[in-house]
Amino acid sequence: MESRQGKLLRHVARKGALVFSGVALVLVLRLVKNIVISRILAPELRGIWGLLNVMPTFLVSAGNMGIGAAITYYSGKKLYDDRYTVGAALYSTLVCGSLLGAVAFFLIGQGLFFEGNTHLLEPYRMLIMLITPVFWLQLMANSYFTGTSLVGRLTLLRILESALPLALFLVFYFGLAMESLNAATYSWFWGFAVLGLTAIVMLPLKQTFPPLLSLKACRDILWFGLRGHLGNFCNLIILRVDILFISYYLTPKDLGYYMIATSIAELLMMLPESLLIPFTSTLFGADERDSQAFSRNALRVVFWGMLFICLTTMLLSWPLIFIMFGRAYLPAWGCTLALVPGMLFLSLFYVLKVDMNNRDKPGATSVVAGLAAVVNVLLNWVFIPGFGIIAAALASTISYGICAVLLLILYARFSKMSLLYIFTVNRREMLLIAAKIRARVQTLLTRGGIR
């Protein structure tokens, strides 16, 4: 009879395969989008477009007060009827998303970026203000779909997130003969506007409509979110503050190079993301014993898979940049080498963060991420003016490493496992894996008529 742990792993493998098939398509679409738009824009305009993309994401992630993580937790645990959970999400979108849009409009006019050259961003002020609430709505929808394990809908949203801007860019640039930066920005804006409407339409009708507003539900969701939001905010600092420092100290061309390195690094995160979605909902639904063994298996899969991917990417990074983005972007090679190792640490951090939330210890993640964020800001502030984008990449990798190592120590203490045991595959497990591989190969050979 199959063990409970085996059933959980099989469930995640099945869901993960569905997500990964969508992730593979998203990977291709995102790669094509980055190649096409980056080659047409060239490094300087690519830097400006990159900052426009980052600003709504940064503001929403910084100002969401942990509500996104709370929506995932409450919808996964079914602590409230989904109508109250979705009602809290939509209410927060209306109020908080609109306020953050006004903040974005204000910041763009203050001359904080590209040595005070506000004319580079001024034409897009209104677009950024209007699209910021849509980013909030998308965060809430992704959080709900993750918590309720609606993997197909979440995967479709991610496919549309890459496909719509690419298709619109081709229409605007080649069909309507728009200037390249305008075509890239307007395609991004209208793509996300359609995505926001799609997210609402894709909510399960019977479970979520009509959305209901409960002050108690809103208070509980907000309190849970605030307990872990310091960690989320610090994680955001680690992920995005380097781009803001580069925008402040360096030129749009430098930022354009750095955006290529970050786009390559973010593509590597598709593997852990494909596992993280079913992992989160399954972990929240498991009992304490199963969840502990389940987390360990997830950590091992992510560690060894990402180690191989990161090493391969570092070896091939120079020809990849040259072939995909062109000679103009080769200065991005150095910071790509410095940034890619950080993706291994970041993937482990994401898995450990979900485990800490499941243990109802979001504060532990906050403290660890806070320490790493302070280190990250100091390193960026001190070294970017003198050493440029390489310093930003190294600061990010060091910060990711701090997060992963400290949370691993806490995880080992809570689970009473050694770090060596967490990541190694023992003889019994290797024999089991080999037996399953042999059985699978034999099945394939039999189906093919080979004895």
Protein backbone atom coordinates (compact mmCIF):
# COMPACT_ATOMS: atom_id res chain seq x y z
CA MET A 1 0.00 0.00 0.00
CA GLU A 2 1.33 3.44 -0.90
CA SER A 3 2.39 5.58 2.07
CA ARG A 4 0.90 8.98 2.81
CA GLN A 5 4.27 10.54 1.97
CA GLY A 6 4.27 8.75 -1.38
CA LYS A 7 0.78 10.05 -2.14
CA LEU A 8 1.85 13.59 -1.30
CA LEU A 9 4.92 13.34 -3.53
CA ARG A 10 2.86 11.84 -6.35
CA HIS A 11 0.33 14.67 -6.00
CA VAL A 12 3.05 17.31 -6.19
CA ALA A 13 4.75 15.52 -9.07
CA ARG A 14 1.48 15.48 -11.01
CA LYS A 15 0.71 19.11 -10.26
CA GLY A 16 4.35 20.07 -10.77
CA ALA A 17 4.35 18.40 -14.20
CA LEU A 18 1.31 20.47 -15.17
CA VAL A 19 2.94 23.63 -13.93
CA PHE A 20 6.27 22.78 -15.52
CA SER A 21 4.66 22.19 -18.92
CA GLY A 22 3.20 25.68 -18.65
CA VAL A 23 6.50 26.99 -17.30
CA ALA A 24 8.31 25.59 -20.33
CA LEU A 25 5.98 27.54 -22.60
CA VAL A 26 6.35 30.66 -20.43
CA LEU A 27 10.13 30.22 -20.57
CA VAL A 28 10.09 30.21 -24.36
CA LEU A 29 7.69 33.16 -24.58
CA ARG A 30 9.58 35.24 -22.02
CA LEU A 31 12.89 34.47 -23.69
CA VAL A 32 11.57 35.42 -27.12
CA LYS A 33 10.03 38.60 -25.69
CA ASN A 34 13.28 39.62 -24.00
CA ILE A 35 15.36 38.85 -27.08
CA VAL A 36 13.09 40.69 -29.51
CA ILE A 37 12.48 43.78 -27.38
CA SER A 38 16.08 44.02 -26.08
CA ARG A 39 17.58 43.79 -29.57
CA ILE A 40 15.25 46.48 -30.89
CA LEU A 41 15.61 48.83 -27.91
CA ALA A 42 19.42 48.54 -27.47
CA PRO A 43 20.98 48.88 -23.97
CA GLU A 44 20.04 52.49 -23.10
CA LEU A 45 16.33 52.26 -23.92
CA ARG A 46 16.29 48.74 -22.44
CA GLY A 47 17.37 50.27 -19.14
CA ILE A 48 14.55 52.84 -19.19
CA TRP A 49 11.98 50.19 -20.07
CA GLY A 50 13.35 47.94 -17.34
CA LEU A 51 12.85 50.62 -14.67
CA LEU A 52 9.28 51.26 -15.86
CA ASN A 53 8.59 47.53 -15.49
CA VAL A 54 10.13 47.32 -12.03
CA MET A 55 8.46 50.34 -10.43
CA PRO A 56 4.85 48.99 -10.09
CA THR A 57 6.18 45.60 -8.99
CA PHE A 58 8.37 47.21 -6.35
CA LEU A 59 5.63 49.46 -4.98
CA VAL A 60 3.02 46.69 -4.84
CA SER A 61 5.41 44.23 -3.21
CA ALA A 62 6.52 46.85 -0.70
CA GLY A 63 3.06 48.17 0.11
CA ASN A 64 0.90 45.04 0.11
CA MET A 65 1.42 44.54 3.90
CA GLY A 66 1.75 40.79 3.43
CA ILE A 67 -1.86 40.47 2.25
CA GLY A 68 -0.78 38.33 -0.71
CA ALA A 69 0.89 35.73 1.53
CA ALA A 70 -2.12 35.85 3.88
CA ILE A 71 -4.54 35.21 1.00
CA THR A 72 -2.50 32.13 0.06
CA TYR A 73 -2.51 30.89 3.66
CA TYR A 74 -6.21 31.52 4.40
CA SER A 75 -7.45 30.15 1.07
CA GLY A 76 -5.23 27.08 1.43
CA LYS A 77 -6.24 26.38 5.04
CA LYS A 78 -9.92 27.24 4.32
CA LEU A 79 -10.10 29.31 7.50
CA TYR A 80 -12.81 31.47 5.93
CA ASP A 81 -15.30 31.00 3.15
CA ASP A 82 -13.58 31.88 -0.13
CA ARG A 83 -16.05 34.70 -0.71
CA TYR A 84 -14.69 36.53 2.34
CA THR A 85 -11.09 35.85 1.33
CA VAL A 86 -11.66 37.13 -2.21
CA GLY A 87 -13.66 40.06 -0.86
CA ALA A 88 -10.69 41.13 1.28
CA ALA A 89 -8.41 40.79 -1.77
CA LEU A 90 -10.64 42.93 -4.01
CA TYR A 91 -11.20 45.56 -1.32
CA SER A 92 -7.45 45.88 -0.76
CA THR A 93 -6.96 46.24 -4.52
CA LEU A 94 -9.42 49.12 -4.68
CA VAL A 95 -8.01 51.04 -1.72
CA CYS A 96 -4.33 50.17 -1.43
CA GLY A 97 -3.66 49.64 -5.14
CA SER A 98 -5.03 53.09 -5.95
CA LEU A 99 -2.94 54.74 -3.22
CA LEU A 100 0.23 53.08 -4.50
CA GLY A 101 -0.58 54.26 -8.01
CA ALA A 102 -0.63 57.83 -6.71
CA VAL A 103 2.72 57.22 -5.00
CA ALA A 104 4.20 56.02 -8.31
CA PHE A 105 2.94 59.16 -10.07
CA PHE A 106 4.58 61.33 -7.41
CA LEU A 107 7.94 59.55 -7.38
CA ILE A 108 8.50 59.71 -11.12
CA GLY A 109 8.31 63.49 -11.02
CA GLN A 110 10.92 63.90 -8.26
CA GLY A 111 14.06 63.44 -10.39
CA LEU A 112 15.33 60.44 -8.42
CA PHE A 113 16.44 58.38 -11.41
CA PHE A 114 19.12 58.61 -14.09
CA GLU A 115 20.86 61.61 -12.54
CA GLY A 116 17.68 63.69 -12.44
CA ASN A 117 16.77 63.30 -16.12
CA THR A 118 13.03 63.23 -15.47
CA HIS A 119 12.21 63.70 -19.17
CA LEU A 120 13.14 60.05 -19.77
CA LEU A 121 10.26 58.80 -17.58
CA GLU A 122 7.82 61.73 -17.58
CA PRO A 123 5.83 60.61 -20.68
CA TYR A 124 4.87 57.39 -18.90
CA ARG A 125 3.82 58.79 -15.52
CA MET A 126 0.10 58.33 -16.03
CA LEU A 127 0.53 54.79 -17.38
CA ILE A 128 2.48 53.72 -14.30
CA MET A 129 -0.14 55.23 -11.99
CA LEU A 130 -2.99 53.40 -13.76
CA ILE A 131 -1.26 50.02 -14.04
CA THR A 132 -0.11 49.80 -10.41
CA PRO A 133 -3.56 48.70 -9.05
CA VAL A 134 -3.64 46.03 -11.78
CA PHE A 135 -0.35 44.64 -10.46
CA TRP A 136 -1.94 44.48 -7.00
CA LEU A 137 -4.94 42.64 -8.43
CA GLN A 138 -2.67 40.16 -10.20
CA LEU A 139 -0.77 39.51 -6.96
CA MET A 140 -4.04 38.78 -5.14
CA ALA A 141 -5.25 36.46 -7.93
CA ASN A 142 -1.94 34.56 -8.03
CA SER A 143 -2.02 34.21 -4.25
CA TYR A 144 -5.55 32.81 -4.28
CA PHE A 145 -4.85 30.38 -7.13
CA THR A 146 -1.70 29.20 -5.35
CA GLY A 147 -3.49 28.64 -2.05
CA THR A 148 -6.38 26.74 -3.66
CA SER A 149 -4.06 24.75 -5.97
CA LEU A 150 -5.79 26.02 -9.13
CA VAL A 151 -2.63 25.27 -11.03
CA GLY A 152 -4.11 25.38 -14.53
CA ARG A 153 -5.51 28.88 -14.09
CA LEU A 154 -2.32 30.19 -12.54
CA THR A 155 -0.29 28.69 -15.38
CA LEU A 156 -2.58 30.25 -17.98
CA LEU A 157 -2.15 33.66 -16.36
CA ARG A 158 1.63 33.28 -16.54
CA ILE A 159 1.46 32.30 -20.19
CA LEU A 160 -0.68 35.35 -20.96
CA GLU A 161 1.69 37.55 -18.95
CA SER A 162 4.45 36.78 -21.44
CA ALA A 163 2.41 36.27 -24.62
CA LEU A 164 0.21 39.39 -24.58
CA PRO A 165 2.98 42.04 -24.31
CA LEU A 166 5.02 40.26 -26.99
CA ALA A 167 2.11 40.05 -29.42
CA LEU A 168 1.10 43.68 -28.80
CA PHE A 169 4.69 44.87 -29.19
CA LEU A 170 4.95 43.24 -32.60
CA VAL A 171 1.67 44.90 -33.63
CA PHE A 172 2.60 48.34 -32.27
CA TYR A 173 6.19 48.37 -33.56
CA PHE A 174 5.91 46.66 -36.94
CA GLY A 175 2.22 47.20 -37.70
CA LEU A 176 1.62 50.73 -36.37
CA ALA A 177 5.26 51.91 -36.73
CA MET A 178 5.46 53.18 -33.13
CA GLU A 179 8.76 54.36 -31.72
CA SER A 180 10.48 51.39 -30.04
CA LEU A 181 10.25 52.52 -26.39
CA ASN A 182 6.64 53.61 -26.79
CA ALA A 183 5.77 50.28 -28.43
CA ALA A 184 7.41 48.32 -25.60
CA THR A 185 5.78 50.39 -22.86
CA TYR A 186 2.26 50.53 -24.30
CA SER A 187 2.30 46.80 -25.11
CA TRP A 188 3.33 46.10 -21.51
CA PHE A 189 0.56 48.40 -20.19
CA TRP A 190 -2.28 46.99 -22.29
CA GLY A 191 -1.06 43.44 -21.83
CA PHE A 192 -1.31 43.73 -18.05
CA ALA A 193 -4.64 45.54 -18.25
CA VAL A 194 -6.10 42.56 -20.13
CA LEU A 195 -4.39 40.22 -17.67
CA GLY A 196 -6.09 41.89 -14.71
CA LEU A 197 -9.54 41.46 -16.26
CA THR A 198 -8.72 37.85 -17.11
CA ALA A 199 -7.74 37.14 -13.50
CA ILE A 200 -11.17 38.29 -12.30
CA VAL A 201 -12.99 36.23 -14.92
CA MET A 202 -11.00 33.13 -13.98
CA LEU A 203 -12.06 33.16 -10.32
CA PRO A 204 -14.27 30.11 -9.60
CA LEU A 205 -17.81 31.49 -9.71
CA LYS A 206 -19.49 29.23 -7.15
CA GLN A 207 -16.82 29.59 -4.48
CA THR A 208 -16.03 33.29 -4.79
CA PHE A 209 -19.12 35.18 -5.98
CA PRO A 210 -20.51 37.34 -4.72
CA PRO A 211 -17.38 38.53 -2.84
CA LEU A 212 -18.27 39.39 0.75
CA LEU A 213 -16.64 41.90 3.07
CA SER A 214 -16.06 40.88 6.68
CA LEU A 215 -14.18 43.17 9.02
CA LYS A 216 -13.07 40.19 11.08
CA ALA A 217 -11.73 38.36 8.01
CA CYS A 218 -9.96 41.52 6.81
CA ARG A 219 -8.47 42.06 10.26
CA ASP A 220 -7.23 38.47 10.55
CA ILE A 221 -5.78 38.45 7.03
CA LEU A 222 -4.08 41.79 7.58
CA TRP A 223 -2.65 40.69 10.95
CA PHE A 224 -1.26 37.47 9.52
CA GLY A 225 0.20 39.40 6.59
CA LEU A 226 1.79 42.07 8.76
CA ARG A 227 3.53 39.44 10.91
CA GLY A 228 5.43 38.20 7.88
CA HIS A 229 5.50 41.37 5.81
CA LEU A 230 8.80 42.58 7.18
CA GLY A 231 10.30 39.44 5.69
CA ASN A 232 8.51 39.98 2.37
CA PHE A 233 9.56 43.62 2.29
CA CYS A 234 13.16 42.76 3.08
CA ASN A 235 13.06 40.04 0.45
CA LEU A 236 11.87 42.67 -2.01
CA ILE A 237 14.78 44.91 -1.00
CA ILE A 238 17.16 42.06 -1.72
CA LEU A 239 15.54 41.35 -5.09
CA ARG A 240 14.97 44.86 -6.45
CA VAL A 241 16.88 47.54 -4.56
CA ASP A 242 19.94 46.91 -6.74
CA ILE A 243 17.96 48.15 -9.75
CA LEU A 244 16.99 51.33 -7.88
CA PHE A 245 20.60 51.97 -6.83
CA ILE A 246 21.81 51.48 -10.40
CA SER A 247 19.06 53.82 -11.65
CA TYR A 248 20.21 56.45 -9.14
CA TYR A 249 23.99 56.21 -9.51
CA LEU A 250 24.57 54.95 -13.06
CA THR A 251 23.26 55.45 -16.58
CA PRO A 252 20.32 53.88 -18.45
CA LYS A 253 22.83 51.87 -20.50
CA ASP A 254 24.33 50.32 -17.35
CA LEU A 255 20.83 49.41 -16.19
CA GLY A 256 20.14 47.90 -19.62
CA TYR A 257 23.12 45.56 -19.21
CA TYR A 258 22.02 44.64 -15.71
CA MET A 259 18.46 43.92 -16.81
CA ILE A 260 19.79 41.30 -19.23
CA ALA A 261 21.67 39.60 -16.38
CA THR A 262 18.59 39.65 -14.13
CA SER A 263 16.35 38.34 -16.92
CA ILE A 264 18.68 35.34 -17.38
CA ALA A 265 18.78 34.78 -13.62
CA GLU A 266 15.00 34.98 -13.29
CA LEU A 267 14.53 32.43 -16.06
CA LEU A 268 16.49 29.97 -13.94
CA MET A 269 13.90 30.33 -11.17
CA MET A 270 11.25 28.64 -13.31
CA LEU A 271 12.16 25.18 -11.96
CA PRO A 272 11.65 26.01 -8.28
CA GLU A 273 8.57 28.08 -9.12
CA SER A 274 7.01 25.12 -10.94
CA LEU A 275 7.42 23.03 -7.78
CA LEU A 276 6.59 25.80 -5.33
CA ILE A 277 2.96 26.21 -6.39
CA PRO A 278 1.80 22.62 -5.68
CA PHE A 279 4.29 22.39 -2.81
CA THR A 280 2.64 25.32 -1.00
CA SER A 281 -0.94 24.07 -1.19
CA THR A 282 0.04 20.46 -0.41
CA LEU A 283 2.21 21.44 2.56
CA PHE A 284 -0.56 23.57 4.09
CA GLY A 285 -2.91 20.58 3.83
CA ALA A 286 -0.54 17.98 5.32
CA ASP A 287 -0.15 17.00 8.97
CA GLU A 288 3.01 17.80 10.93
CA ARG A 289 4.79 14.49 10.33
CA ASP A 290 4.14 14.39 6.60
CA SER A 291 4.94 18.07 6.10
CA GLN A 292 8.39 17.70 7.70
CA ALA A 293 9.47 14.81 5.47
CA PHE A 294 7.81 16.48 2.51
CA SER A 295 9.79 19.71 2.99
CA ARG A 296 13.05 17.80 3.15
CA ASN A 297 12.32 16.08 -0.17
CA ALA A 298 11.43 19.40 -1.78
CA LEU A 299 14.68 20.97 -0.54
CA ARG A 300 16.75 18.15 -2.01
CA VAL A 301 15.03 18.28 -5.39
CA VAL A 302 15.42 22.04 -5.63
CA PHE A 303 19.04 22.03 -4.42
CA TRP A 304 20.41 19.40 -6.81
CA GLY A 305 18.30 20.56 -9.74
CA MET A 306 19.28 24.20 -9.35
CA LEU A 307 22.94 23.36 -8.74
CA PHE A 308 23.11 21.65 -12.12
CA ILE A 309 21.18 24.43 -13.88
CA CYS A 310 23.29 27.22 -12.36
CA LEU A 311 26.61 25.58 -13.20
CA THR A 312 25.49 24.92 -16.78
CA THR A 313 24.29 28.50 -17.21
CA MET A 314 27.57 29.94 -15.92
CA LEU A 315 29.56 27.82 -18.38
CA LEU A 316 27.40 28.86 -21.34
CA SER A 317 26.55 32.45 -20.35
CA TRP A 318 28.94 34.26 -22.74
CA PRO A 319 27.78 32.50 -25.93
CA LEU A 320 24.17 32.66 -24.76
CA ILE A 321 24.31 36.45 -24.35
CA PHE A 322 26.12 36.88 -27.67
CA ILE A 323 23.73 34.66 -29.64
CA MET A 324 20.47 35.77 -28.04
CA PHE A 325 20.95 39.46 -27.31
CA GLY A 326 23.86 40.45 -29.54
CA ARG A 327 27.32 41.92 -29.14
CA ALA A 328 25.91 45.16 -27.69
CA TYR A 329 24.93 43.34 -24.47
CA LEU A 330 28.19 41.44 -23.83
CA PRO A 331 29.10 43.78 -20.92
CA ALA A 332 26.30 41.96 -19.05
CA TRP A 333 28.41 38.76 -18.93
CA GLY A 334 30.38 39.61 -15.77
CA CYS A 335 27.36 40.45 -13.64
CA THR A 336 25.56 37.37 -15.00
CA LEU A 337 28.36 35.18 -13.63
CA ALA A 338 28.11 36.98 -10.29
CA LEU A 339 24.31 36.79 -10.10
CA VAL A 340 23.56 33.21 -11.20
CA PRO A 341 24.94 31.47 -8.04
CA GLY A 342 22.51 33.55 -6.00
CA MET A 343 19.60 31.80 -7.74
CA LEU A 344 20.56 28.54 -6.01
CA PHE A 345 20.34 30.25 -2.62
CA LEU A 346 17.15 32.09 -3.56
CA SER A 347 15.36 28.91 -4.63
CA LEU A 348 16.18 27.28 -1.28
CA PHE A 349 15.01 30.40 0.54
CA TYR A 350 11.61 30.24 -1.20
CA VAL A 351 11.03 26.63 -0.13
CA LEU A 352 12.17 27.35 3.44
CA LYS A 353 9.98 30.43 3.62
CA VAL A 354 6.86 28.39 2.80
CA ASP A 355 7.89 25.83 5.44
CA MET A 356 8.25 28.56 8.08
CA ASN A 357 4.82 29.97 7.21
CA ASN A 358 3.35 26.47 7.53
CA ARG A 359 4.90 26.23 11.02
CA ASP A 360 3.21 29.58 11.80
CA LYS A 361 6.60 31.25 12.19
CA PRO A 362 6.57 34.05 9.60
CA GLY A 363 8.53 36.21 12.06
CA ALA A 364 11.60 33.98 11.65
CA THR A 365 11.62 34.69 7.93
CA SER A 366 11.24 38.40 8.63
CA VAL A 367 14.26 38.56 10.94
CA VAL A 368 16.50 36.62 8.55
CA ALA A 369 15.41 38.63 5.51
CA GLY A 370 15.81 41.86 7.49
CA LEU A 371 19.44 41.11 8.27
CA ALA A 372 20.14 40.18 4.64
CA ALA A 373 18.39 43.34 3.39
CA VAL A 374 20.55 45.57 5.59
CA VAL A 375 23.68 43.88 4.24
CA ASN A 376 22.39 44.23 0.68
CA VAL A 377 21.63 47.93 0.98
CA LEU A 378 25.01 48.68 2.56
CA LEU A 379 26.91 46.75 -0.12
CA ASN A 380 25.00 48.46 -2.93
CA TRP A 381 25.39 51.91 -1.39
CA VAL A 382 29.13 51.56 -0.81
CA PHE A 383 30.28 49.67 -3.91
CA ILE A 384 27.97 50.49 -6.86
CA PRO A 385 29.37 54.03 -7.37
CA GLY A 386 32.89 52.66 -7.70
CA PHE A 387 32.44 49.18 -9.14
CA GLY A 388 29.18 49.42 -11.09
CA ILE A 389 26.82 46.61 -11.93
CA ILE A 390 29.22 43.83 -10.85
CA ALA A 391 28.93 45.12 -7.28
CA ALA A 392 25.13 45.00 -7.49
CA ALA A 393 25.17 41.38 -8.65
CA LEU A 394 27.59 40.28 -5.92
CA ALA A 395 25.54 42.11 -3.26
CA SER A 396 22.44 40.20 -4.35
CA THR A 397 24.17 36.82 -4.31
CA ILE A 398 25.65 37.44 -0.86
CA SER A 399 22.23 38.48 0.48
CA TYR A 400 20.50 35.41 -0.98
CA GLY A 401 23.19 33.28 0.61
CA ILE A 402 22.61 34.83 4.03
CA CYS A 403 18.86 34.18 3.78
CA ALA A 404 19.25 30.56 2.71
CA VAL A 405 21.94 29.62 5.23
CA LEU A 406 20.22 31.19 8.25
CA LEU A 407 16.83 29.69 7.41
CA LEU A 408 18.47 26.31 6.82
CA ILE A 409 19.95 26.47 10.32
CA LEU A 410 16.50 27.26 11.76
CA TYR A 411 14.89 24.53 9.67
CA ALA A 412 17.44 21.98 10.87
CA ARG A 413 16.77 23.00 14.47
CA PHE A 414 12.97 22.85 14.16
CA SER A 415 12.98 19.54 12.28
CA LYS A 416 15.83 18.00 14.32
CA MET A 417 17.75 17.05 11.17
CA SER A 418 21.39 17.67 10.31
CA LEU A 419 22.19 19.76 7.25
CA LEU A 420 24.03 16.79 5.75
CA TYR A 421 20.97 14.56 6.16
CA ILE A 422 18.67 17.18 4.61
CA PHE A 423 20.52 17.25 1.28
CA THR A 424 22.00 13.78 0.89
CA VAL A 425 20.32 10.77 -0.68
CA ASN A 426 20.94 7.65 1.39
CA ARG A 427 21.48 4.12 0.04
CA ARG A 428 17.87 3.04 0.61
CA GLU A 429 16.53 6.06 -1.25
CA MET A 430 18.98 5.55 -4.14
CA LEU A 431 17.89 1.92 -4.47
CA LEU A 432 14.24 3.00 -4.47
CA ILE A 433 14.90 5.64 -7.14
CA ALA A 434 16.84 3.11 -9.26
CA ALA A 435 14.00 0.59 -8.95
CA LYS A 436 11.44 3.14 -10.07
CA ILE A 437 13.61 4.17 -13.02
CA ARG A 438 14.05 0.52 -14.07
CA ALA A 439 10.31 -0.06 -13.79
CA ARG A 440 9.57 3.02 -15.85
CA VAL A 441 12.08 2.08 -18.55
CA GLN A 442 10.71 -1.46 -18.69
CA THR A 443 7.18 -0.10 -19.09
CA LEU A 444 8.29 2.14 -21.96
CA LEU A 445 10.14 -0.73 -23.64
CA THR A 446 7.13 -3.01 -23.28
CA ARG A 447 4.83 -0.40 -24.82
CA GLY A 448 7.28 -0.08 -27.68
CA GLY A 449 7.20 -3.80 -28.31
CA ILE A 450 10.77 -4.40 -27.09
CA ARG A 451 11.34 -7.40 -24.78
